[in-house]
N, C-alpha and C. Protein backbone atom coordinates (compact mmCIF):
# COMPACT_ATOMS: atom_id res chain seq x y z
N MET A 1 35.31 21.30 146.36
CA MET A 1 34.38 22.40 146.14
C MET A 1 33.08 21.83 145.58
N THR A 2 31.98 22.09 146.22
CA THR A 2 30.70 21.58 145.74
C THR A 2 29.96 22.67 144.99
N MET A 3 29.26 22.27 143.93
CA MET A 3 28.47 23.21 143.13
C MET A 3 27.01 23.09 143.49
N ARG A 4 26.32 24.20 143.45
CA ARG A 4 24.89 24.17 143.69
C ARG A 4 24.21 23.44 142.53
N PRO A 5 23.15 22.65 142.81
CA PRO A 5 22.46 21.91 141.75
C PRO A 5 21.92 22.81 140.66
N ASN A 6 21.36 23.98 141.00
CA ASN A 6 20.82 24.88 139.97
C ASN A 6 21.91 25.40 139.06
N PHE A 7 23.09 25.67 139.63
CA PHE A 7 24.21 26.15 138.83
C PHE A 7 24.65 25.08 137.84
N VAL A 8 24.77 23.85 138.30
CA VAL A 8 25.16 22.75 137.43
C VAL A 8 24.13 22.56 136.32
N ARG A 9 22.84 22.60 136.69
CA ARG A 9 21.78 22.46 135.70
C ARG A 9 21.87 23.59 134.66
N THR A 10 22.16 24.81 135.10
CA THR A 10 22.31 25.94 134.19
C THR A 10 23.45 25.70 133.22
N LEU A 11 24.60 25.25 133.72
CA LEU A 11 25.72 24.98 132.83
C LEU A 11 25.40 23.90 131.81
N ILE A 12 24.72 22.87 132.25
CA ILE A 12 24.34 21.80 131.32
C ILE A 12 23.42 22.35 130.24
N ILE A 13 22.45 23.17 130.62
CA ILE A 13 21.53 23.76 129.65
C ILE A 13 22.30 24.64 128.67
N VAL A 14 23.15 25.53 129.18
CA VAL A 14 23.88 26.45 128.32
C VAL A 14 24.73 25.70 127.31
N PHE A 15 25.51 24.70 127.77
CA PHE A 15 26.40 24.02 126.85
C PHE A 15 25.69 23.03 125.94
N THR A 16 24.72 22.30 126.45
CA THR A 16 24.00 21.34 125.61
C THR A 16 23.21 22.06 124.54
N LEU A 17 22.44 23.05 124.94
CA LEU A 17 21.63 23.76 123.97
C LEU A 17 22.47 24.69 123.11
N GLY A 18 23.60 25.12 123.62
CA GLY A 18 24.49 25.94 122.82
C GLY A 18 24.97 25.19 121.60
N LEU A 19 25.18 23.89 121.75
CA LEU A 19 25.60 23.08 120.63
C LEU A 19 24.46 22.72 119.69
N ALA A 20 23.25 22.86 120.16
CA ALA A 20 22.09 22.53 119.33
C ALA A 20 21.85 23.55 118.24
N GLY A 21 22.36 24.76 118.40
CA GLY A 21 22.22 25.76 117.36
C GLY A 21 20.83 26.37 117.27
N LEU A 22 20.15 26.51 118.37
CA LEU A 22 18.79 27.03 118.33
C LEU A 22 18.67 28.37 119.05
N HIS A 23 19.65 29.23 118.94
CA HIS A 23 19.69 30.45 119.74
C HIS A 23 19.19 31.64 118.96
N ALA A 24 17.99 32.07 119.23
CA ALA A 24 17.40 33.19 118.52
C ALA A 24 17.93 34.53 119.00
N ALA A 25 18.28 34.65 120.24
CA ALA A 25 18.67 35.94 120.79
C ALA A 25 19.92 36.49 120.13
N GLY A 26 20.78 35.64 119.61
CA GLY A 26 22.02 36.11 119.02
C GLY A 26 21.92 36.43 117.55
N ILE A 27 20.73 36.42 116.98
CA ILE A 27 20.57 36.80 115.58
C ILE A 27 19.83 38.12 115.57
N THR A 28 20.49 39.16 115.12
CA THR A 28 19.91 40.48 115.12
C THR A 28 19.84 41.01 113.70
N VAL A 29 18.74 41.66 113.39
CA VAL A 29 18.59 42.33 112.11
C VAL A 29 18.92 43.79 112.35
N THR A 30 19.99 44.28 111.73
CA THR A 30 20.40 45.66 111.91
C THR A 30 19.27 46.59 111.49
N GLY A 31 18.90 47.49 112.39
CA GLY A 31 17.86 48.47 112.08
C GLY A 31 16.46 47.99 112.39
N ALA A 32 16.28 46.75 112.82
CA ALA A 32 14.94 46.23 113.15
C ALA A 32 14.86 46.03 114.65
N GLU A 33 14.10 46.88 115.33
CA GLU A 33 13.97 46.78 116.78
C GLU A 33 13.02 45.66 117.19
N ASP A 34 12.06 45.36 116.37
CA ASP A 34 11.03 44.39 116.74
C ASP A 34 10.96 43.32 115.66
N LYS A 35 11.14 42.04 116.05
CA LYS A 35 11.15 40.98 115.04
C LYS A 35 9.80 40.83 114.35
N LYS A 36 8.73 41.40 114.92
CA LYS A 36 7.43 41.37 114.26
C LYS A 36 7.41 42.24 113.00
N LEU A 37 8.36 43.18 112.92
CA LEU A 37 8.42 44.09 111.78
C LEU A 37 9.27 43.56 110.64
N LEU A 38 9.81 42.36 110.78
CA LEU A 38 10.66 41.79 109.74
C LEU A 38 9.85 41.42 108.52
N ASN A 39 10.44 41.64 107.34
CA ASN A 39 9.79 41.20 106.11
C ASN A 39 10.06 39.70 105.93
N PRO A 40 9.38 39.05 104.99
CA PRO A 40 9.55 37.58 104.84
C PRO A 40 10.99 37.14 104.57
N LEU A 41 11.74 37.92 103.79
CA LEU A 41 13.13 37.55 103.52
C LEU A 41 13.95 37.61 104.81
N GLU A 42 13.78 38.66 105.60
CA GLU A 42 14.50 38.78 106.87
C GLU A 42 14.13 37.66 107.83
N LYS A 43 12.86 37.29 107.85
CA LYS A 43 12.43 36.19 108.72
C LYS A 43 13.09 34.88 108.31
N GLU A 44 13.18 34.65 107.01
CA GLU A 44 13.81 33.40 106.53
C GLU A 44 15.31 33.39 106.83
N ILE A 45 15.98 34.52 106.64
CA ILE A 45 17.41 34.60 106.94
C ILE A 45 17.63 34.32 108.43
N ARG A 46 16.84 34.98 109.27
CA ARG A 46 16.96 34.80 110.72
C ARG A 46 16.74 33.33 111.09
N LYS A 47 15.70 32.72 110.51
CA LYS A 47 15.39 31.32 110.80
C LYS A 47 16.55 30.40 110.42
N GLN A 48 17.13 30.61 109.24
CA GLN A 48 18.22 29.76 108.79
C GLN A 48 19.48 29.94 109.65
N LEU A 49 19.75 31.17 110.06
CA LEU A 49 20.93 31.41 110.89
C LEU A 49 20.76 30.81 112.28
N ILE A 50 19.56 30.88 112.82
CA ILE A 50 19.29 30.30 114.14
C ILE A 50 19.57 28.80 114.14
N MET A 51 19.28 28.15 113.02
CA MET A 51 19.40 26.70 112.94
C MET A 51 20.82 26.21 112.62
N LEU A 52 21.78 27.11 112.52
CA LEU A 52 23.15 26.70 112.22
C LEU A 52 23.71 25.80 113.33
N PRO A 53 24.34 24.69 112.94
CA PRO A 53 24.96 23.84 113.96
C PRO A 53 26.11 24.59 114.65
N PHE A 54 26.29 24.35 115.90
CA PHE A 54 27.37 24.90 116.71
C PHE A 54 27.23 26.40 116.98
N TYR A 55 26.07 26.99 116.70
CA TYR A 55 25.83 28.40 117.03
C TYR A 55 25.46 28.45 118.50
N GLY A 56 26.31 29.07 119.31
CA GLY A 56 26.10 28.99 120.75
C GLY A 56 26.27 30.30 121.49
N VAL A 57 26.42 30.20 122.77
CA VAL A 57 26.47 31.34 123.66
C VAL A 57 27.71 32.21 123.40
N PHE A 58 28.73 31.68 122.74
CA PHE A 58 29.94 32.44 122.46
C PHE A 58 29.95 33.04 121.05
N ASP A 59 28.79 33.08 120.41
CA ASP A 59 28.66 33.59 119.04
C ASP A 59 27.55 34.64 118.98
N TYR A 60 27.72 35.60 118.08
CA TYR A 60 26.70 36.64 117.89
C TYR A 60 26.73 37.04 116.42
N ILE A 61 25.60 36.88 115.75
CA ILE A 61 25.50 37.22 114.33
C ILE A 61 24.38 38.22 114.15
N GLU A 62 24.65 39.23 113.33
CA GLU A 62 23.60 40.16 112.92
C GLU A 62 23.69 40.32 111.41
N PHE A 63 22.62 40.79 110.81
CA PHE A 63 22.64 40.96 109.36
C PHE A 63 21.82 42.17 108.96
N GLU A 64 22.09 42.62 107.75
CA GLU A 64 21.36 43.74 107.17
C GLU A 64 21.03 43.37 105.73
N VAL A 65 19.78 43.59 105.34
CA VAL A 65 19.36 43.32 103.97
C VAL A 65 19.40 44.64 103.21
N GLN A 66 20.14 44.65 102.10
CA GLN A 66 20.25 45.83 101.23
C GLN A 66 19.79 45.40 99.84
N GLY A 67 18.47 45.46 99.62
CA GLY A 67 17.91 44.98 98.36
C GLY A 67 18.02 43.47 98.30
N ASP A 68 18.79 42.96 97.32
CA ASP A 68 18.99 41.51 97.20
C ASP A 68 20.36 41.09 97.75
N LYS A 69 21.03 42.01 98.44
CA LYS A 69 22.32 41.73 99.07
C LYS A 69 22.14 41.66 100.59
N VAL A 70 22.83 40.68 101.21
CA VAL A 70 22.78 40.54 102.67
C VAL A 70 24.20 40.74 103.20
N VAL A 71 24.30 41.62 104.21
CA VAL A 71 25.58 41.86 104.87
C VAL A 71 25.53 41.18 106.23
N LEU A 72 26.42 40.20 106.42
CA LEU A 72 26.52 39.49 107.69
C LEU A 72 27.62 40.13 108.54
N LYS A 73 27.31 40.35 109.81
CA LYS A 73 28.27 40.93 110.74
C LYS A 73 28.21 40.14 112.03
N GLY A 74 29.18 40.36 112.88
CA GLY A 74 29.17 39.70 114.18
C GLY A 74 30.51 39.12 114.53
N ASP A 75 30.47 38.22 115.49
CA ASP A 75 31.68 37.63 116.04
C ASP A 75 31.36 36.18 116.42
N VAL A 76 32.12 35.24 115.89
CA VAL A 76 31.86 33.83 116.16
C VAL A 76 33.13 33.16 116.66
N SER A 77 32.95 32.02 117.32
CA SER A 77 34.08 31.34 117.94
C SER A 77 34.80 30.36 117.02
N GLY A 78 34.32 30.20 115.78
CA GLY A 78 34.99 29.28 114.88
C GLY A 78 34.80 29.62 113.41
N PRO A 79 35.80 29.34 112.57
CA PRO A 79 35.72 29.67 111.15
C PRO A 79 34.65 28.87 110.41
N THR A 80 34.32 27.68 110.89
CA THR A 80 33.29 26.88 110.24
C THR A 80 31.94 27.58 110.33
N LEU A 81 31.65 28.15 111.47
CA LEU A 81 30.39 28.87 111.65
C LEU A 81 30.33 30.10 110.76
N GLN A 82 31.45 30.79 110.60
CA GLN A 82 31.51 31.96 109.73
C GLN A 82 31.16 31.60 108.28
N SER A 83 31.80 30.56 107.76
CA SER A 83 31.55 30.16 106.38
C SER A 83 30.17 29.53 106.21
N SER A 84 29.72 28.78 107.21
CA SER A 84 28.39 28.16 107.14
C SER A 84 27.29 29.22 107.08
N ALA A 85 27.46 30.29 107.83
CA ALA A 85 26.46 31.36 107.83
C ALA A 85 26.32 31.96 106.43
N ALA A 86 27.43 32.26 105.80
CA ALA A 86 27.39 32.83 104.45
C ALA A 86 26.79 31.84 103.46
N ARG A 87 27.20 30.58 103.55
CA ARG A 87 26.73 29.56 102.61
C ARG A 87 25.22 29.36 102.72
N ILE A 88 24.69 29.32 103.94
CA ILE A 88 23.26 29.07 104.12
C ILE A 88 22.43 30.26 103.64
N VAL A 89 22.93 31.48 103.85
CA VAL A 89 22.19 32.67 103.43
C VAL A 89 22.21 32.79 101.91
N GLU A 90 23.31 32.40 101.25
CA GLU A 90 23.40 32.45 99.79
C GLU A 90 22.34 31.58 99.12
N ARG A 91 21.91 30.52 99.78
CA ARG A 91 20.94 29.58 99.20
C ARG A 91 19.49 30.04 99.33
N ILE A 92 19.24 31.10 100.07
CA ILE A 92 17.87 31.55 100.30
C ILE A 92 17.36 32.27 99.06
N PRO A 93 16.17 31.88 98.56
CA PRO A 93 15.60 32.57 97.40
C PRO A 93 15.42 34.06 97.68
N GLY A 94 15.84 34.89 96.73
CA GLY A 94 15.75 36.33 96.89
C GLY A 94 17.07 36.97 97.26
N VAL A 95 18.05 36.14 97.66
CA VAL A 95 19.37 36.66 98.01
C VAL A 95 20.30 36.43 96.81
N LYS A 96 20.83 37.52 96.27
CA LYS A 96 21.74 37.42 95.12
C LYS A 96 23.20 37.41 95.55
N SER A 97 23.51 38.13 96.64
CA SER A 97 24.91 38.15 97.08
C SER A 97 24.96 38.31 98.60
N VAL A 98 26.08 37.84 99.17
CA VAL A 98 26.30 37.92 100.61
C VAL A 98 27.68 38.52 100.84
N GLU A 99 27.72 39.54 101.66
CA GLU A 99 28.99 40.13 102.10
C GLU A 99 29.23 39.65 103.53
N ASN A 100 30.23 38.83 103.70
CA ASN A 100 30.48 38.21 104.99
C ASN A 100 31.53 39.01 105.77
N GLN A 101 31.05 39.79 106.74
CA GLN A 101 31.94 40.58 107.59
C GLN A 101 32.04 39.99 108.99
N ILE A 102 31.62 38.76 109.15
CA ILE A 102 31.68 38.10 110.46
C ILE A 102 33.14 37.88 110.84
N GLN A 103 33.50 38.29 112.05
CA GLN A 103 34.85 38.10 112.56
C GLN A 103 34.93 36.77 113.31
N VAL A 104 36.06 36.10 113.19
CA VAL A 104 36.29 34.85 113.91
C VAL A 104 37.22 35.14 115.09
N GLN A 105 36.79 34.74 116.28
CA GLN A 105 37.61 34.94 117.47
C GLN A 105 38.84 34.05 117.37
N PRO A 106 40.00 34.55 117.78
CA PRO A 106 41.22 33.74 117.69
C PRO A 106 41.15 32.52 118.61
N VAL A 107 41.80 31.45 118.17
CA VAL A 107 41.87 30.23 118.99
C VAL A 107 42.90 30.48 120.08
N SER A 108 42.46 30.34 121.33
CA SER A 108 43.35 30.64 122.44
C SER A 108 42.86 29.93 123.69
N SER A 109 43.74 29.19 124.34
CA SER A 109 43.35 28.53 125.58
C SER A 109 43.09 29.58 126.67
N PHE A 110 43.78 30.70 126.62
CA PHE A 110 43.55 31.80 127.55
C PHE A 110 42.12 32.33 127.40
N ASP A 111 41.70 32.58 126.16
CA ASP A 111 40.32 33.06 125.90
C ASP A 111 39.29 32.00 126.28
N ASN A 112 39.61 30.73 126.03
CA ASN A 112 38.67 29.66 126.40
C ASN A 112 38.45 29.61 127.90
N GLN A 113 39.50 29.82 128.68
CA GLN A 113 39.36 29.85 130.13
C GLN A 113 38.48 31.02 130.55
N ILE A 114 38.66 32.17 129.92
CA ILE A 114 37.82 33.33 130.23
C ILE A 114 36.37 33.04 129.87
N ARG A 115 36.14 32.40 128.72
CA ARG A 115 34.76 32.06 128.32
C ARG A 115 34.08 31.19 129.37
N ARG A 116 34.77 30.13 129.79
CA ARG A 116 34.20 29.24 130.80
C ARG A 116 33.91 29.99 132.10
N SER A 117 34.84 30.82 132.51
CA SER A 117 34.65 31.59 133.74
C SER A 117 33.51 32.59 133.61
N MET A 118 33.36 33.19 132.44
CA MET A 118 32.28 34.15 132.21
C MET A 118 30.91 33.47 132.29
N VAL A 119 30.80 32.28 131.70
CA VAL A 119 29.53 31.55 131.76
C VAL A 119 29.19 31.25 133.21
N ARG A 120 30.17 30.79 133.99
CA ARG A 120 29.92 30.51 135.40
C ARG A 120 29.54 31.78 136.16
N ALA A 121 30.24 32.87 135.90
CA ALA A 121 30.00 34.12 136.63
C ALA A 121 28.63 34.71 136.28
N ILE A 122 28.31 34.76 135.01
CA ILE A 122 27.07 35.41 134.59
C ILE A 122 25.86 34.51 134.81
N TYR A 123 25.89 33.31 134.24
CA TYR A 123 24.72 32.44 134.35
C TYR A 123 24.63 31.76 135.71
N GLY A 124 25.69 31.81 136.50
CA GLY A 124 25.64 31.27 137.85
C GLY A 124 25.03 32.24 138.85
N ASP A 125 24.84 33.49 138.44
CA ASP A 125 24.21 34.48 139.31
C ASP A 125 22.71 34.24 139.35
N SER A 126 22.14 34.25 140.55
CA SER A 126 20.71 33.95 140.69
C SER A 126 19.81 34.95 139.96
N SER A 127 20.29 36.18 139.76
CA SER A 127 19.49 37.18 139.04
C SER A 127 19.56 36.98 137.53
N LEU A 128 20.61 36.33 137.05
CA LEU A 128 20.83 36.23 135.60
C LEU A 128 20.62 34.83 135.04
N ASN A 129 20.56 33.80 135.91
CA ASN A 129 20.51 32.43 135.37
C ASN A 129 19.25 32.16 134.56
N ARG A 130 18.19 32.94 134.75
CA ARG A 130 16.97 32.74 133.95
C ARG A 130 17.19 33.08 132.47
N TYR A 131 18.22 33.88 132.17
CA TYR A 131 18.51 34.22 130.77
C TYR A 131 19.15 33.06 130.01
N SER A 132 19.51 32.01 130.72
CA SER A 132 20.10 30.84 130.06
C SER A 132 19.07 29.74 129.81
N ALA A 133 17.88 29.91 130.36
CA ALA A 133 16.86 28.85 130.28
C ALA A 133 16.40 28.63 128.84
N GLY A 134 16.09 27.40 128.55
CA GLY A 134 15.60 27.05 127.22
C GLY A 134 16.71 27.01 126.19
N ALA A 135 16.31 27.04 124.95
CA ALA A 135 17.25 26.93 123.85
C ALA A 135 17.72 28.29 123.37
N ASN A 136 17.55 29.30 124.18
CA ASN A 136 17.73 30.64 123.70
C ASN A 136 18.45 31.54 124.71
N PRO A 137 19.74 31.34 124.99
CA PRO A 137 20.39 32.22 125.96
C PRO A 137 20.38 33.66 125.47
N TRP A 138 19.94 34.54 126.31
CA TRP A 138 19.78 35.94 125.92
C TRP A 138 21.10 36.70 125.95
N ILE A 139 22.02 36.27 126.80
CA ILE A 139 23.28 36.99 126.95
C ILE A 139 24.38 36.21 126.23
N ARG A 140 25.02 36.86 125.26
CA ARG A 140 26.11 36.27 124.49
C ARG A 140 27.44 36.77 125.03
N ILE A 141 28.42 35.90 125.09
CA ILE A 141 29.72 36.22 125.66
C ILE A 141 30.78 36.06 124.55
N LEU A 142 31.35 37.17 124.13
CA LEU A 142 32.36 37.17 123.08
C LEU A 142 33.70 37.53 123.70
N VAL A 143 34.72 36.71 123.43
CA VAL A 143 36.04 36.95 124.01
C VAL A 143 37.05 36.98 122.87
N ARG A 144 37.82 38.06 122.85
CA ARG A 144 38.85 38.24 121.82
C ARG A 144 40.11 38.76 122.50
N ASN A 145 41.14 37.91 122.60
CA ASN A 145 42.42 38.29 123.20
C ASN A 145 42.25 38.90 124.59
N GLY A 146 41.38 38.31 125.39
CA GLY A 146 41.18 38.76 126.76
C GLY A 146 40.15 39.86 126.93
N ASP A 147 39.72 40.46 125.83
CA ASP A 147 38.69 41.50 125.89
C ASP A 147 37.33 40.85 125.73
N VAL A 148 36.39 41.19 126.60
CA VAL A 148 35.07 40.56 126.63
C VAL A 148 34.00 41.56 126.20
N THR A 149 33.10 41.08 125.35
CA THR A 149 31.93 41.87 124.94
C THR A 149 30.69 41.05 125.24
N LEU A 150 29.73 41.68 125.91
CA LEU A 150 28.44 41.05 126.18
C LEU A 150 27.44 41.60 125.17
N GLU A 151 26.76 40.70 124.47
CA GLU A 151 25.74 41.07 123.49
C GLU A 151 24.45 40.38 123.86
N GLY A 152 23.33 40.91 123.40
CA GLY A 152 22.05 40.27 123.62
C GLY A 152 21.07 41.19 124.32
N TYR A 153 20.18 40.57 125.09
CA TYR A 153 19.06 41.30 125.69
C TYR A 153 18.85 40.90 127.14
N VAL A 154 18.38 41.86 127.93
CA VAL A 154 17.94 41.61 129.30
C VAL A 154 16.63 42.36 129.51
N ASP A 155 15.91 41.99 130.57
CA ASP A 155 14.62 42.63 130.85
C ASP A 155 14.73 43.96 131.57
N ARG A 156 15.77 44.10 132.39
CA ARG A 156 15.87 45.28 133.25
C ARG A 156 17.28 45.87 133.22
N GLU A 157 17.36 47.15 133.48
CA GLU A 157 18.65 47.84 133.56
C GLU A 157 19.50 47.26 134.69
N THR A 158 18.86 46.86 135.79
CA THR A 158 19.63 46.28 136.90
C THR A 158 20.30 44.97 136.48
N ASP A 159 19.64 44.17 135.64
CA ASP A 159 20.24 42.93 135.14
C ASP A 159 21.46 43.25 134.27
N ARG A 160 21.35 44.29 133.48
CA ARG A 160 22.47 44.73 132.64
C ARG A 160 23.66 45.11 133.53
N ASP A 161 23.38 45.85 134.60
CA ASP A 161 24.44 46.26 135.53
C ASP A 161 25.04 45.07 136.27
N ILE A 162 24.20 44.12 136.68
CA ILE A 162 24.70 42.92 137.37
C ILE A 162 25.62 42.12 136.44
N ALA A 163 25.25 42.02 135.17
CA ALA A 163 26.09 41.29 134.20
C ALA A 163 27.47 41.95 134.10
N THR A 164 27.50 43.26 134.09
CA THR A 164 28.78 43.98 134.03
C THR A 164 29.61 43.70 135.28
N ILE A 165 28.97 43.78 136.43
CA ILE A 165 29.68 43.54 137.70
C ILE A 165 30.23 42.12 137.75
N ARG A 166 29.40 41.14 137.37
CA ARG A 166 29.84 39.74 137.38
C ARG A 166 30.99 39.53 136.40
N ALA A 167 30.89 40.12 135.21
CA ALA A 167 31.94 39.96 134.20
C ALA A 167 33.25 40.60 134.67
N ARG A 168 33.17 41.73 135.33
CA ARG A 168 34.38 42.40 135.82
C ARG A 168 35.09 41.58 136.90
N GLY A 169 34.37 40.67 137.53
CA GLY A 169 34.95 39.84 138.58
C GLY A 169 35.70 38.62 138.06
N VAL A 170 35.71 38.42 136.74
CA VAL A 170 36.38 37.25 136.16
C VAL A 170 37.87 37.56 135.97
N PRO A 171 38.74 36.77 136.59
CA PRO A 171 40.18 36.99 136.44
C PRO A 171 40.63 36.77 135.00
N GLY A 172 41.55 37.61 134.56
CA GLY A 172 42.12 37.46 133.23
C GLY A 172 41.46 38.31 132.16
N ALA A 173 40.25 38.76 132.40
CA ALA A 173 39.56 39.60 131.41
C ALA A 173 40.15 41.01 131.49
N PHE A 174 40.58 41.52 130.34
CA PHE A 174 41.20 42.84 130.31
C PHE A 174 40.16 43.95 130.32
N THR A 175 39.25 43.92 129.36
CA THR A 175 38.20 44.94 129.28
C THR A 175 36.85 44.25 129.16
N ILE A 176 35.82 44.93 129.65
CA ILE A 176 34.46 44.44 129.55
C ILE A 176 33.65 45.51 128.81
N THR A 177 33.04 45.13 127.70
CA THR A 177 32.15 46.01 126.96
C THR A 177 30.76 45.41 127.05
N ASN A 178 29.84 46.15 127.62
CA ASN A 178 28.48 45.65 127.79
C ASN A 178 27.56 46.29 126.75
N ASN A 179 27.21 45.54 125.71
CA ASN A 179 26.29 45.99 124.68
C ASN A 179 24.89 45.40 124.88
N LEU A 180 24.59 44.91 126.06
CA LEU A 180 23.28 44.32 126.32
C LEU A 180 22.21 45.40 126.17
N ILE A 181 21.13 45.03 125.53
CA ILE A 181 20.01 45.94 125.30
C ILE A 181 18.89 45.57 126.27
N VAL A 182 18.33 46.58 126.92
CA VAL A 182 17.21 46.37 127.82
C VAL A 182 15.96 46.35 126.95
N LYS A 183 15.26 45.18 126.96
CA LYS A 183 14.06 45.03 126.14
C LYS A 183 12.96 45.93 126.69
N LYS A 184 12.31 46.61 125.77
CA LYS A 184 11.18 47.45 126.15
C LYS A 184 9.93 46.60 126.25
N SER A 185 9.18 46.74 127.33
CA SER A 185 7.99 45.92 127.53
C SER A 185 6.81 46.48 126.78
């Protein structure tokens, strides 16, 4: 079976940059629609979370600032990332406490196979592969016991629908939840 060169290049970008920990699309501030509206503390928290090692396409973190308390939420593929997120946010000046509600996806070879297949299905689609370009994949793929959730952003409603169709075509996935947000221009 031969792979198209663009597809291979996309996979290399997704996995190489996924390990670099430079993914801004997966860091969401609860209640903030536009990152330009973030206050300095929120900007610093977002910056520190983006730079976490091993933060990749299979992870999604969001946070909410409540005075001097930060509530971390989301879903990550490893316990190290969960604890690292809390530890890095605790060190930021102005943060007095951190409530870590980040869920860790269970370790499962079955889920890992679904993750790999989802990346191929979604980012291998010619309409969606542009969302993997650069250090910032827009579409996050979360897998928990065979159930798949798509998080992140797309430019158009049709891209959101294509992602759902592609995800539904992956064998072994039980349910598909599409939480992709269509960015307003």
